[in-house]
């Protein structure tokens, strides 16, 4: 995939086959990693979307205030079908 326009749908399709535990591991490795630039943001957005599509509660890592949505870039764990942020 040389074109980032096609990367996001590709990632969504790929991540739809991941287990929740695999997505958690991937998220945690991604947020702890350095670099990547905008590609990392797209990659992480696809991970978050995959969690959402699996019905995971994201309310502990996503906030909406004054028309802005913020997603915390933190490692997470699953508790009662919700992602819980971990300090790192």
Protein backbone atom coordinates (compact mmCIF):
# COMPACT_ATOMS: atom_id res chain seq x y z
CA UNK A 1 0.00 0.00 0.00
CA UNK A 2 1.95 2.97 -1.19
CA UNK A 3 -0.94 5.37 -0.88
CA UNK A 4 -2.08 6.40 2.59
CA UNK A 5 -5.60 7.05 1.26
CA UNK A 6 -5.97 3.28 0.92
CA UNK A 7 -4.16 2.48 4.15
CA UNK A 8 -6.98 3.33 6.57
CA UNK A 9 -9.62 1.05 4.98
CA UNK A 10 -6.98 -1.67 4.73
CA UNK A 11 -6.20 -1.34 8.45
CA UNK A 12 -9.89 -1.37 9.38
CA UNK A 13 -10.40 -4.58 7.46
CA UNK A 14 -7.30 -6.17 8.95
CA UNK A 15 -8.12 -5.14 12.53
CA UNK A 16 -11.69 -6.43 12.25
CA UNK A 17 -10.19 -9.92 12.46
CA UNK A 18 -8.14 -9.18 15.58
CA UNK A 19 -9.30 -10.29 19.00
CA UNK A 20 -9.85 -7.64 21.64
CA UNK A 21 -6.72 -8.82 23.44
CA UNK A 22 -4.70 -8.50 20.23
CA UNK A 23 -6.03 -4.97 19.72
CA UNK A 24 -5.11 -4.05 23.29
CA UNK A 25 -1.59 -5.35 22.79
CA UNK A 26 -1.28 -3.52 19.47
CA UNK A 27 -2.60 -0.29 21.00
CA UNK A 28 -0.22 -0.50 23.93
CA UNK A 29 2.79 -1.13 21.71
CA UNK A 30 1.75 1.69 19.38
CA UNK A 31 1.31 4.39 22.02
CA UNK A 32 4.64 3.53 23.64
CA UNK A 33 6.51 3.68 20.33
CA UNK A 34 8.34 6.73 19.03
CA UNK A 35 8.02 8.37 15.65
CA UNK A 36 5.75 7.46 12.72
CA UNK A 37 4.18 10.91 12.29
CA UNK A 38 0.73 11.06 10.71
CA UNK A 39 0.81 7.38 9.77
CA UNK A 40 0.90 6.48 13.47
CA UNK A 41 -2.19 8.61 14.07
CA UNK A 42 -4.02 6.85 11.24
CA UNK A 43 -2.91 3.46 12.55
CA UNK A 44 -4.12 4.26 16.07
CA UNK A 45 -7.41 5.66 14.76
CA UNK A 46 -8.01 2.36 13.00
CA UNK A 47 -7.30 0.51 16.26
CA UNK A 48 -9.75 2.72 18.18
CA UNK A 49 -12.38 2.25 15.46
CA UNK A 50 -11.91 -1.53 15.66
CA UNK A 51 -12.53 -1.39 19.42
CA UNK A 52 -15.66 0.66 18.83
CA UNK A 53 -16.98 -1.74 16.20
CA UNK A 54 -16.53 -4.59 18.66
CA UNK A 55 -18.73 -2.76 21.16
CA UNK A 56 -15.99 -1.78 23.59
CA UNK A 57 -16.74 1.20 25.84
CA UNK A 58 -14.20 3.92 25.02
CA UNK A 59 -15.56 6.58 27.37
CA UNK A 60 -12.55 6.41 29.71
CA UNK A 61 -10.08 7.29 26.95
CA UNK A 62 -12.19 9.56 24.73
CA UNK A 63 -13.52 12.93 25.84
CA UNK A 64 -15.69 15.42 23.99
CA UNK A 65 -15.60 19.02 25.10
CA UNK A 66 -16.46 22.28 23.36
CA UNK A 67 -16.89 20.49 20.05
CA UNK A 68 -13.51 18.76 20.22
CA UNK A 69 -12.89 15.06 20.61
CA UNK A 70 -9.72 13.97 22.37
CA UNK A 71 -8.40 10.42 22.44
CA UNK A 72 -5.81 9.74 25.11
CA UNK A 73 -2.64 8.15 23.75
CA UNK A 74 -2.18 5.74 26.64
CA UNK A 75 -1.80 2.02 27.16
CA UNK A 76 -5.08 0.38 28.18
CA UNK A 77 -6.54 -2.70 29.80
CA UNK A 78 -10.03 -4.16 29.51
CA UNK A 79 -12.37 -4.14 32.48
CA UNK A 80 -16.12 -4.79 32.26
CA UNK A 81 -16.07 -4.28 28.48
CA UNK A 82 -14.44 -0.85 28.86
CA UNK A 83 -10.93 0.31 28.05
CA UNK A 84 -9.22 1.62 31.17
CA UNK A 85 -6.20 3.91 30.72
CA UNK A 86 -2.93 2.85 32.31
CA UNK A 87 -0.17 5.18 33.40
CA UNK A 88 3.17 4.78 31.67
